[in-house]
Amino acid sequence: MKPIYFPFTYISTSVARALHACLGKTIVYQPLKKYLPEDIQNLAQQDVVDIRFPVKLENKDEKNLAAILKEYDAWRNLHQGGRGLHPDFFKVMRNNIPFFDDTSASQIKADIKNISGVNSNKKEPDPVFNAQIFLSLAQKFDRQNEKIVQDLASYET
C-alpha cells in the first residue's frame, strides 16, 4: 500500500525524501503532464514518488486550460499590489451587472433573456475541467510558497 500526498499537487524534494524514508514511495497526483514540475520529474526518475494523472484531457481541453491559466496570470499581474479593481468593488457588485441598477434598460433586458430562455443554451459547467483548473492553480500556489520558504531559509543561513 502506497501513501497518497493529497490534496497537494506539489511536493518539495525534502518532504518527498522524508516521506520516502518513512513510508516508501509516495503517490503524487498532477493536474497535467504538460506542466509537470522538473523537480517532481527528477523525484519520479529516482523512484522516490509515483506520479499519477487522474484525468486525461483531450487536446482541445488542454489548450483551453492553458489559455485560462495564461489569462489568470495576466489578470493577477494586473491587479497585484493594489493596482486595478479592488476586492471591495466585487463584494458590493456580487451578482449585479456593473454600473446599472434594477430599473436600467440593460438589467431589464438581461432579466427578460433569463426568463424567456434565451440564455438557456448555456453549457453546464464541467466539474472535471473545473477541478483541473483548481488543481493547476493550487500547484502554482504550492510551488510559489515552496520558493518563498527556500528563499527565506537561504537568508537565515
N, C-alpha and C. Protein backbone atom coordinates (compact mmCIF):
# COMPACT_ATOMS: atom_id res chain seq x y z
N MET A 1 0.84 -1.17 0.00
CA MET A 1 0.00 0.00 0.00
C MET A 1 0.89 1.24 0.00
N LYS A 2 0.60 2.16 -0.93
CA LYS A 2 1.39 3.39 -1.05
C LYS A 2 0.62 4.56 -0.46
N PRO A 3 1.30 5.46 0.26
CA PRO A 3 0.63 6.67 0.74
C PRO A 3 0.39 7.63 -0.43
N ILE A 4 -0.67 8.42 -0.30
CA ILE A 4 -1.02 9.41 -1.32
C ILE A 4 -0.85 10.80 -0.72
N TYR A 5 -0.08 11.64 -1.39
CA TYR A 5 0.16 13.01 -0.94
C TYR A 5 -0.93 13.89 -1.54
N PHE A 6 -2.07 13.89 -0.88
CA PHE A 6 -3.24 14.59 -1.40
C PHE A 6 -3.86 15.39 -0.28
N PRO A 7 -4.33 16.59 -0.47
CA PRO A 7 -4.79 17.24 -1.68
C PRO A 7 -3.72 18.04 -2.39
N PHE A 8 -2.48 17.94 -1.99
CA PHE A 8 -1.42 18.74 -2.60
C PHE A 8 -0.99 18.14 -3.93
N THR A 9 -0.62 18.99 -4.88
CA THR A 9 -0.13 18.53 -6.17
C THR A 9 1.35 18.83 -6.33
N TYR A 10 1.92 19.50 -5.35
CA TYR A 10 3.36 19.80 -5.39
C TYR A 10 3.98 19.31 -4.10
N ILE A 11 5.10 18.64 -4.23
CA ILE A 11 5.83 18.14 -3.07
C ILE A 11 7.28 18.57 -3.22
N SER A 12 7.82 19.15 -2.17
CA SER A 12 9.22 19.58 -2.23
C SER A 12 10.13 18.36 -2.14
N THR A 13 11.34 18.52 -2.58
CA THR A 13 12.30 17.42 -2.58
C THR A 13 12.55 16.92 -1.16
N SER A 14 12.70 17.84 -0.21
CA SER A 14 12.98 17.43 1.17
C SER A 14 11.81 16.66 1.78
N VAL A 15 10.58 17.10 1.53
CA VAL A 15 9.41 16.40 2.05
C VAL A 15 9.27 15.04 1.37
N ALA A 16 9.50 14.98 0.08
CA ALA A 16 9.40 13.72 -0.65
C ALA A 16 10.42 12.71 -0.12
N ARG A 17 11.63 13.15 0.12
CA ARG A 17 12.66 12.24 0.64
C ARG A 17 12.32 11.79 2.07
N ALA A 18 11.78 12.69 2.88
CA ALA A 18 11.40 12.31 4.25
C ALA A 18 10.27 11.29 4.22
N LEU A 19 9.26 11.51 3.38
CA LEU A 19 8.17 10.54 3.26
C LEU A 19 8.67 9.20 2.73
N HIS A 20 9.59 9.27 1.78
CA HIS A 20 10.15 8.04 1.20
C HIS A 20 10.91 7.25 2.26
N ALA A 21 11.65 7.94 3.11
CA ALA A 21 12.42 7.27 4.16
C ALA A 21 11.49 6.60 5.18
N CYS A 22 10.36 7.23 5.47
CA CYS A 22 9.44 6.70 6.48
C CYS A 22 8.41 5.73 5.92
N LEU A 23 7.85 6.05 4.77
CA LEU A 23 6.70 5.31 4.25
C LEU A 23 6.93 4.62 2.92
N GLY A 24 8.05 4.88 2.27
CA GLY A 24 8.29 4.33 0.95
C GLY A 24 7.81 5.28 -0.14
N LYS A 25 7.66 4.74 -1.32
CA LYS A 25 7.26 5.54 -2.47
C LYS A 25 5.87 6.14 -2.26
N THR A 26 5.75 7.46 -2.51
CA THR A 26 4.51 8.19 -2.28
C THR A 26 3.88 8.57 -3.62
N ILE A 27 2.56 8.45 -3.69
CA ILE A 27 1.82 8.84 -4.90
C ILE A 27 1.53 10.34 -4.84
N VAL A 28 1.84 11.04 -5.93
CA VAL A 28 1.55 12.47 -6.05
C VAL A 28 0.72 12.66 -7.31
N TYR A 29 -0.49 13.20 -7.14
CA TYR A 29 -1.35 13.48 -8.29
C TYR A 29 -0.98 14.81 -8.91
N GLN A 30 -0.99 14.84 -10.24
CA GLN A 30 -0.65 16.03 -11.01
C GLN A 30 -1.80 16.40 -11.93
N PRO A 31 -2.04 17.70 -12.12
CA PRO A 31 -3.14 18.11 -13.00
C PRO A 31 -2.88 17.83 -14.48
N LEU A 32 -1.65 18.09 -14.95
CA LEU A 32 -1.34 17.94 -16.38
C LEU A 32 0.09 17.46 -16.58
N LYS A 33 0.28 16.60 -17.57
CA LYS A 33 1.64 16.17 -17.92
C LYS A 33 2.45 17.33 -18.47
N LYS A 34 1.78 18.20 -19.20
CA LYS A 34 2.47 19.30 -19.88
C LYS A 34 3.17 20.23 -18.91
N TYR A 35 2.59 20.41 -17.71
CA TYR A 35 3.14 21.35 -16.73
C TYR A 35 3.75 20.64 -15.53
N LEU A 36 4.29 19.47 -15.74
CA LEU A 36 4.91 18.71 -14.66
C LEU A 36 6.19 19.40 -14.21
N PRO A 37 6.28 19.79 -12.92
CA PRO A 37 7.49 20.48 -12.45
C PRO A 37 8.73 19.59 -12.58
N GLU A 38 9.83 20.22 -12.93
CA GLU A 38 11.08 19.50 -13.18
C GLU A 38 11.56 18.73 -11.95
N ASP A 39 11.43 19.33 -10.76
CA ASP A 39 11.91 18.64 -9.57
C ASP A 39 11.06 17.41 -9.25
N ILE A 40 9.78 17.43 -9.57
CA ILE A 40 8.94 16.24 -9.37
C ILE A 40 9.29 15.18 -10.41
N GLN A 41 9.62 15.60 -11.63
CA GLN A 41 10.10 14.64 -12.64
C GLN A 41 11.36 13.94 -12.15
N ASN A 42 12.28 14.71 -11.57
CA ASN A 42 13.52 14.13 -11.06
C ASN A 42 13.25 13.15 -9.93
N LEU A 43 12.33 13.49 -9.03
CA LEU A 43 11.98 12.58 -7.94
C LEU A 43 11.36 11.29 -8.47
N ALA A 44 10.57 11.39 -9.52
CA ALA A 44 9.97 10.20 -10.12
C ALA A 44 11.04 9.33 -10.78
N GLN A 45 12.01 9.96 -11.45
CA GLN A 45 13.09 9.20 -12.08
C GLN A 45 13.96 8.50 -11.04
N GLN A 46 14.08 9.10 -9.85
CA GLN A 46 14.85 8.50 -8.76
C GLN A 46 14.01 7.50 -7.96
N ASP A 47 12.78 7.26 -8.38
CA ASP A 47 11.87 6.29 -7.77
C ASP A 47 11.48 6.68 -6.33
N VAL A 48 11.43 7.98 -6.06
CA VAL A 48 11.03 8.47 -4.74
C VAL A 48 9.52 8.68 -4.69
N VAL A 49 8.94 9.17 -5.79
CA VAL A 49 7.50 9.38 -5.87
C VAL A 49 6.93 8.67 -7.10
N ASP A 50 5.65 8.42 -7.03
CA ASP A 50 4.91 7.84 -8.16
C ASP A 50 3.92 8.90 -8.63
N ILE A 51 4.08 9.37 -9.86
CA ILE A 51 3.24 10.44 -10.39
C ILE A 51 2.00 9.83 -11.05
N ARG A 52 0.86 10.40 -10.72
CA ARG A 52 -0.40 9.95 -11.32
C ARG A 52 -1.15 11.14 -11.89
N PHE A 53 -1.82 10.90 -13.00
CA PHE A 53 -2.67 11.91 -13.65
C PHE A 53 -4.09 11.36 -13.62
N PRO A 54 -4.95 11.88 -12.73
CA PRO A 54 -6.27 11.28 -12.55
C PRO A 54 -7.18 11.39 -13.76
N VAL A 55 -7.00 12.42 -14.57
CA VAL A 55 -7.87 12.62 -15.73
C VAL A 55 -7.02 12.95 -16.94
N LYS A 56 -7.32 12.27 -18.05
CA LYS A 56 -6.62 12.60 -19.29
C LYS A 56 -7.52 13.55 -20.07
N LEU A 57 -7.03 14.75 -20.27
CA LEU A 57 -7.80 15.75 -21.01
C LEU A 57 -7.57 15.58 -22.51
N GLU A 58 -8.59 15.91 -23.27
CA GLU A 58 -8.43 15.95 -24.72
C GLU A 58 -7.54 17.14 -25.08
N ASN A 59 -6.98 17.11 -26.27
CA ASN A 59 -6.05 18.15 -26.70
C ASN A 59 -6.68 19.54 -26.63
N LYS A 60 -7.94 19.66 -27.08
CA LYS A 60 -8.61 20.97 -27.05
C LYS A 60 -8.82 21.44 -25.62
N ASP A 61 -9.12 20.51 -24.70
CA ASP A 61 -9.29 20.89 -23.30
C ASP A 61 -7.98 21.34 -22.68
N GLU A 62 -6.88 20.68 -23.07
CA GLU A 62 -5.56 21.11 -22.57
C GLU A 62 -5.25 22.52 -23.06
N LYS A 63 -5.57 22.80 -24.31
CA LYS A 63 -5.34 24.15 -24.85
C LYS A 63 -6.21 25.17 -24.13
N ASN A 64 -7.48 24.81 -23.87
CA ASN A 64 -8.37 25.71 -23.13
C ASN A 64 -7.84 25.97 -21.73
N LEU A 65 -7.36 24.92 -21.08
CA LEU A 65 -6.82 25.07 -19.72
C LEU A 65 -5.59 25.96 -19.73
N ALA A 66 -4.71 25.75 -20.71
CA ALA A 66 -3.51 26.59 -20.82
C ALA A 66 -3.89 28.05 -21.05
N ALA A 67 -4.91 28.29 -21.87
CA ALA A 67 -5.36 29.66 -22.14
C ALA A 67 -5.95 30.29 -20.88
N ILE A 68 -6.73 29.53 -20.13
CA ILE A 68 -7.34 30.04 -18.90
C ILE A 68 -6.25 30.39 -17.89
N LEU A 69 -5.25 29.52 -17.75
CA LEU A 69 -4.16 29.78 -16.80
C LEU A 69 -3.36 31.01 -17.21
N LYS A 70 -3.16 31.17 -18.53
CA LYS A 70 -2.44 32.34 -19.02
C LYS A 70 -3.23 33.62 -18.74
N GLU A 71 -4.54 33.58 -18.99
CA GLU A 71 -5.40 34.73 -18.71
C GLU A 71 -5.41 35.06 -17.22
N TYR A 72 -5.44 34.01 -16.39
CA TYR A 72 -5.42 34.24 -14.94
C TYR A 72 -4.12 34.93 -14.53
N ASP A 73 -2.99 34.47 -15.07
CA ASP A 73 -1.71 35.10 -14.73
C ASP A 73 -1.70 36.57 -15.14
N ALA A 74 -2.24 36.86 -16.32
CA ALA A 74 -2.29 38.26 -16.77
C ALA A 74 -3.18 39.08 -15.85
N TRP A 75 -4.33 38.53 -15.46
CA TRP A 75 -5.24 39.23 -14.56
C TRP A 75 -4.58 39.46 -13.20
N ARG A 76 -3.92 38.42 -12.68
CA ARG A 76 -3.25 38.51 -11.38
C ARG A 76 -2.14 39.57 -11.42
N ASN A 77 -1.36 39.58 -12.48
CA ASN A 77 -0.29 40.57 -12.59
C ASN A 77 -0.83 41.99 -12.68
N LEU A 78 -1.97 42.14 -13.34
CA LEU A 78 -2.59 43.45 -13.46
C LEU A 78 -3.08 43.98 -12.12
N HIS A 79 -3.59 43.10 -11.28
CA HIS A 79 -4.22 43.50 -10.03
C HIS A 79 -3.34 43.29 -8.80
N GLN A 80 -2.11 42.89 -8.99
CA GLN A 80 -1.22 42.63 -7.87
C GLN A 80 -0.77 43.93 -7.22
N GLY A 81 -0.67 43.94 -5.91
CA GLY A 81 -0.15 45.10 -5.20
C GLY A 81 -1.10 46.27 -5.13
N GLY A 82 -2.41 46.02 -5.17
CA GLY A 82 -3.37 47.11 -5.01
C GLY A 82 -3.69 47.86 -6.28
N ARG A 83 -3.14 47.44 -7.41
CA ARG A 83 -3.48 48.10 -8.68
C ARG A 83 -4.78 47.53 -9.21
N GLY A 84 -5.38 48.21 -10.12
CA GLY A 84 -6.60 47.72 -10.75
C GLY A 84 -7.81 47.80 -9.83
N LEU A 85 -8.79 46.92 -10.07
CA LEU A 85 -10.00 46.92 -9.26
C LEU A 85 -9.72 46.30 -7.90
N HIS A 86 -10.31 46.85 -6.89
CA HIS A 86 -10.11 46.34 -5.54
C HIS A 86 -11.19 45.31 -5.21
N PRO A 87 -10.89 44.37 -4.29
CA PRO A 87 -11.88 43.35 -3.93
C PRO A 87 -13.18 43.92 -3.39
N ASP A 88 -13.13 45.10 -2.76
CA ASP A 88 -14.35 45.71 -2.24
C ASP A 88 -15.37 45.96 -3.35
N PHE A 89 -14.87 46.29 -4.55
CA PHE A 89 -15.75 46.52 -5.69
C PHE A 89 -16.54 45.25 -6.00
N PHE A 90 -15.85 44.11 -6.00
CA PHE A 90 -16.52 42.85 -6.33
C PHE A 90 -17.50 42.43 -5.23
N LYS A 91 -17.19 42.73 -3.98
CA LYS A 91 -18.09 42.38 -2.89
C LYS A 91 -19.40 43.15 -3.01
N VAL A 92 -19.32 44.41 -3.35
CA VAL A 92 -20.52 45.24 -3.47
C VAL A 92 -21.33 44.81 -4.69
N MET A 93 -20.66 44.53 -5.79
CA MET A 93 -21.35 44.25 -7.05
C MET A 93 -21.81 42.80 -7.17
N ARG A 94 -21.37 41.93 -6.34
CA ARG A 94 -21.59 40.50 -6.33
C ARG A 94 -22.31 39.96 -7.57
N ASN A 95 -23.64 39.91 -7.61
CA ASN A 95 -24.36 39.32 -8.74
C ASN A 95 -25.02 40.36 -9.65
N ASN A 96 -24.60 41.58 -9.55
CA ASN A 96 -25.22 42.65 -10.33
C ASN A 96 -24.45 42.91 -11.62
N ILE A 97 -25.16 43.45 -12.59
CA ILE A 97 -24.48 43.92 -13.79
C ILE A 97 -23.81 45.23 -13.42
N PRO A 98 -22.53 45.37 -13.67
CA PRO A 98 -21.82 46.58 -13.22
C PRO A 98 -22.42 47.86 -13.80
N PHE A 99 -22.44 48.89 -12.97
CA PHE A 99 -22.81 50.26 -13.35
C PHE A 99 -24.28 50.44 -13.73
N PHE A 100 -25.14 49.50 -13.36
CA PHE A 100 -26.56 49.62 -13.65
C PHE A 100 -27.34 49.24 -12.40
N ASP A 101 -28.59 49.73 -12.30
CA ASP A 101 -29.45 49.32 -11.19
C ASP A 101 -30.62 48.51 -11.74
N ASP A 102 -31.57 48.16 -10.86
CA ASP A 102 -32.68 47.29 -11.24
C ASP A 102 -33.58 47.88 -12.32
N THR A 103 -33.61 49.20 -12.46
CA THR A 103 -34.52 49.82 -13.42
C THR A 103 -33.83 50.18 -14.73
N SER A 104 -32.57 49.90 -14.87
CA SER A 104 -31.88 50.25 -16.11
C SER A 104 -32.30 49.32 -17.24
N ALA A 105 -32.20 49.81 -18.44
CA ALA A 105 -32.60 49.03 -19.62
C ALA A 105 -31.77 47.75 -19.74
N SER A 106 -30.50 47.83 -19.45
CA SER A 106 -29.64 46.65 -19.57
C SER A 106 -30.03 45.57 -18.57
N GLN A 107 -30.39 45.97 -17.35
CA GLN A 107 -30.80 45.00 -16.34
C GLN A 107 -32.12 44.35 -16.73
N ILE A 108 -33.06 45.16 -17.21
CA ILE A 108 -34.36 44.63 -17.64
C ILE A 108 -34.18 43.66 -18.81
N LYS A 109 -33.34 44.02 -19.76
CA LYS A 109 -33.07 43.16 -20.91
C LYS A 109 -32.46 41.83 -20.46
N ALA A 110 -31.51 41.88 -19.53
CA ALA A 110 -30.89 40.66 -19.02
C ALA A 110 -31.91 39.78 -18.31
N ASP A 111 -32.81 40.40 -17.54
CA ASP A 111 -33.85 39.64 -16.84
C ASP A 111 -34.79 38.97 -17.82
N ILE A 112 -35.18 39.67 -18.88
CA ILE A 112 -36.08 39.10 -19.89
C ILE A 112 -35.42 37.92 -20.59
N LYS A 113 -34.16 38.06 -20.92
CA LYS A 113 -33.46 36.96 -21.58
C LYS A 113 -33.41 35.73 -20.68
N ASN A 114 -33.18 35.93 -19.40
CA ASN A 114 -33.13 34.80 -18.48
C ASN A 114 -34.49 34.15 -18.32
N ILE A 115 -35.56 34.94 -18.26
CA ILE A 115 -36.90 34.40 -18.09
C ILE A 115 -37.37 33.69 -19.35
N SER A 116 -37.10 34.27 -20.51
CA SER A 116 -37.60 33.71 -21.76
C SER A 116 -36.79 32.52 -22.24
N GLY A 117 -35.70 32.24 -21.61
CA GLY A 117 -34.91 31.08 -22.00
C GLY A 117 -33.90 31.36 -23.08
N VAL A 118 -33.68 32.62 -23.41
CA VAL A 118 -32.69 32.95 -24.43
C VAL A 118 -31.31 32.49 -24.00
N ASN A 119 -31.03 32.60 -22.71
CA ASN A 119 -29.72 32.18 -22.19
C ASN A 119 -29.72 30.73 -21.74
N SER A 120 -30.78 29.96 -22.05
CA SER A 120 -30.88 28.59 -21.56
C SER A 120 -29.95 27.63 -22.30
N ASN A 121 -29.36 28.05 -23.41
CA ASN A 121 -28.47 27.16 -24.15
C ASN A 121 -27.05 27.19 -23.61
N LYS A 122 -26.86 27.82 -22.47
CA LYS A 122 -25.52 27.85 -21.88
C LYS A 122 -25.12 26.44 -21.48
N LYS A 123 -23.86 26.13 -21.68
CA LYS A 123 -23.37 24.81 -21.31
C LYS A 123 -23.28 24.71 -19.79
N GLU A 124 -23.56 23.52 -19.30
CA GLU A 124 -23.40 23.27 -17.87
C GLU A 124 -21.91 23.23 -17.57
N PRO A 125 -21.51 23.71 -16.40
CA PRO A 125 -20.09 23.67 -16.06
C PRO A 125 -19.60 22.22 -15.97
N ASP A 126 -18.40 22.00 -16.42
CA ASP A 126 -17.79 20.68 -16.39
C ASP A 126 -16.99 20.55 -15.09
N PRO A 127 -17.45 19.75 -14.14
CA PRO A 127 -16.76 19.68 -12.85
C PRO A 127 -15.34 19.12 -12.96
N VAL A 128 -15.10 18.23 -13.90
CA VAL A 128 -13.76 17.67 -14.06
C VAL A 128 -12.80 18.74 -14.59
N PHE A 129 -13.25 19.50 -15.58
CA PHE A 129 -12.41 20.57 -16.12
C PHE A 129 -12.16 21.64 -15.06
N ASN A 130 -13.20 21.99 -14.31
CA ASN A 130 -13.03 22.97 -13.23
C ASN A 130 -12.06 22.46 -12.17
N ALA A 131 -12.10 21.16 -11.90
CA ALA A 131 -11.15 20.58 -10.94
C ALA A 131 -9.72 20.68 -11.48
N GLN A 132 -9.55 20.48 -12.79
CA GLN A 132 -8.22 20.62 -13.40
C GLN A 132 -7.70 22.05 -13.24
N ILE A 133 -8.58 23.03 -13.45
CA ILE A 133 -8.18 24.43 -13.26
C ILE A 133 -7.77 24.66 -11.82
N PHE A 134 -8.60 24.18 -10.90
CA PHE A 134 -8.30 24.36 -9.48
C PHE A 134 -6.97 23.71 -9.10
N LEU A 135 -6.75 22.48 -9.54
CA LEU A 135 -5.50 21.78 -9.21
C LEU A 135 -4.29 22.49 -9.81
N SER A 136 -4.44 23.01 -11.01
CA SER A 136 -3.33 23.73 -11.65
C SER A 136 -3.00 25.00 -10.88
N LEU A 137 -4.02 25.74 -10.46
CA LEU A 137 -3.79 26.95 -9.67
C LEU A 137 -3.21 26.61 -8.30
N ALA A 138 -3.70 25.53 -7.69
CA ALA A 138 -3.17 25.10 -6.39
C ALA A 138 -1.71 24.70 -6.51
N GLN A 139 -1.36 24.01 -7.60
CA GLN A 139 0.03 23.62 -7.81
C GLN A 139 0.92 24.85 -7.96
N LYS A 140 0.45 25.83 -8.72
CA LYS A 140 1.22 27.06 -8.90
C LYS A 140 1.43 27.75 -7.55
N PHE A 141 0.38 27.80 -6.74
CA PHE A 141 0.48 28.40 -5.41
C PHE A 141 1.48 27.64 -4.54
N ASP A 142 1.38 26.31 -4.54
CA ASP A 142 2.29 25.49 -3.72
C ASP A 142 3.74 25.67 -4.15
N ARG A 143 3.97 25.76 -5.45
CA ARG A 143 5.34 25.97 -5.95
C ARG A 143 5.87 27.33 -5.53
N GLN A 144 5.04 28.36 -5.63
CA GLN A 144 5.46 29.70 -5.21
C GLN A 144 5.73 29.74 -3.71
N ASN A 145 4.89 29.06 -2.94
CA ASN A 145 5.07 29.00 -1.49
C ASN A 145 6.38 28.30 -1.14
N GLU A 146 6.68 27.22 -1.83
CA GLU A 146 7.94 26.50 -1.59
C GLU A 146 9.14 27.37 -1.94
N LYS A 147 9.04 28.14 -3.01
CA LYS A 147 10.14 29.03 -3.39
C LYS A 147 10.36 30.09 -2.31
N ILE A 148 9.29 30.62 -1.76
CA ILE A 148 9.41 31.62 -0.68
C ILE A 148 10.08 31.00 0.54
N VAL A 149 9.68 29.79 0.89
CA VAL A 149 10.28 29.10 2.04
C VAL A 149 11.77 28.89 1.80
N GLN A 150 12.13 28.46 0.60
CA GLN A 150 13.55 28.26 0.28
C GLN A 150 14.33 29.57 0.33
N ASP A 151 13.75 30.63 -0.21
CA ASP A 151 14.42 31.94 -0.18
C ASP A 151 14.63 32.43 1.25
N LEU A 152 13.62 32.27 2.09
CA LEU A 152 13.75 32.68 3.49
C LEU A 152 14.79 31.84 4.22
N ALA A 153 14.81 30.54 3.91
CA ALA A 153 15.80 29.66 4.55
C ALA A 153 17.21 30.03 4.12
N SER A 154 17.39 30.47 2.88
CA SER A 154 18.73 30.85 2.42
C SER A 154 19.22 32.11 3.11
N TYR A 155 18.31 33.00 3.52
CA TYR A 155 18.70 34.21 4.25
C TYR A 155 19.05 33.90 5.70
N GLU A 156 18.43 32.86 6.26
CA GLU A 156 18.68 32.52 7.65
C GLU A 156 20.04 31.87 7.85
N THR A 157 20.57 31.23 6.82
CA THR A 157 21.85 30.54 6.97
C THR A 157 23.02 31.42 6.69
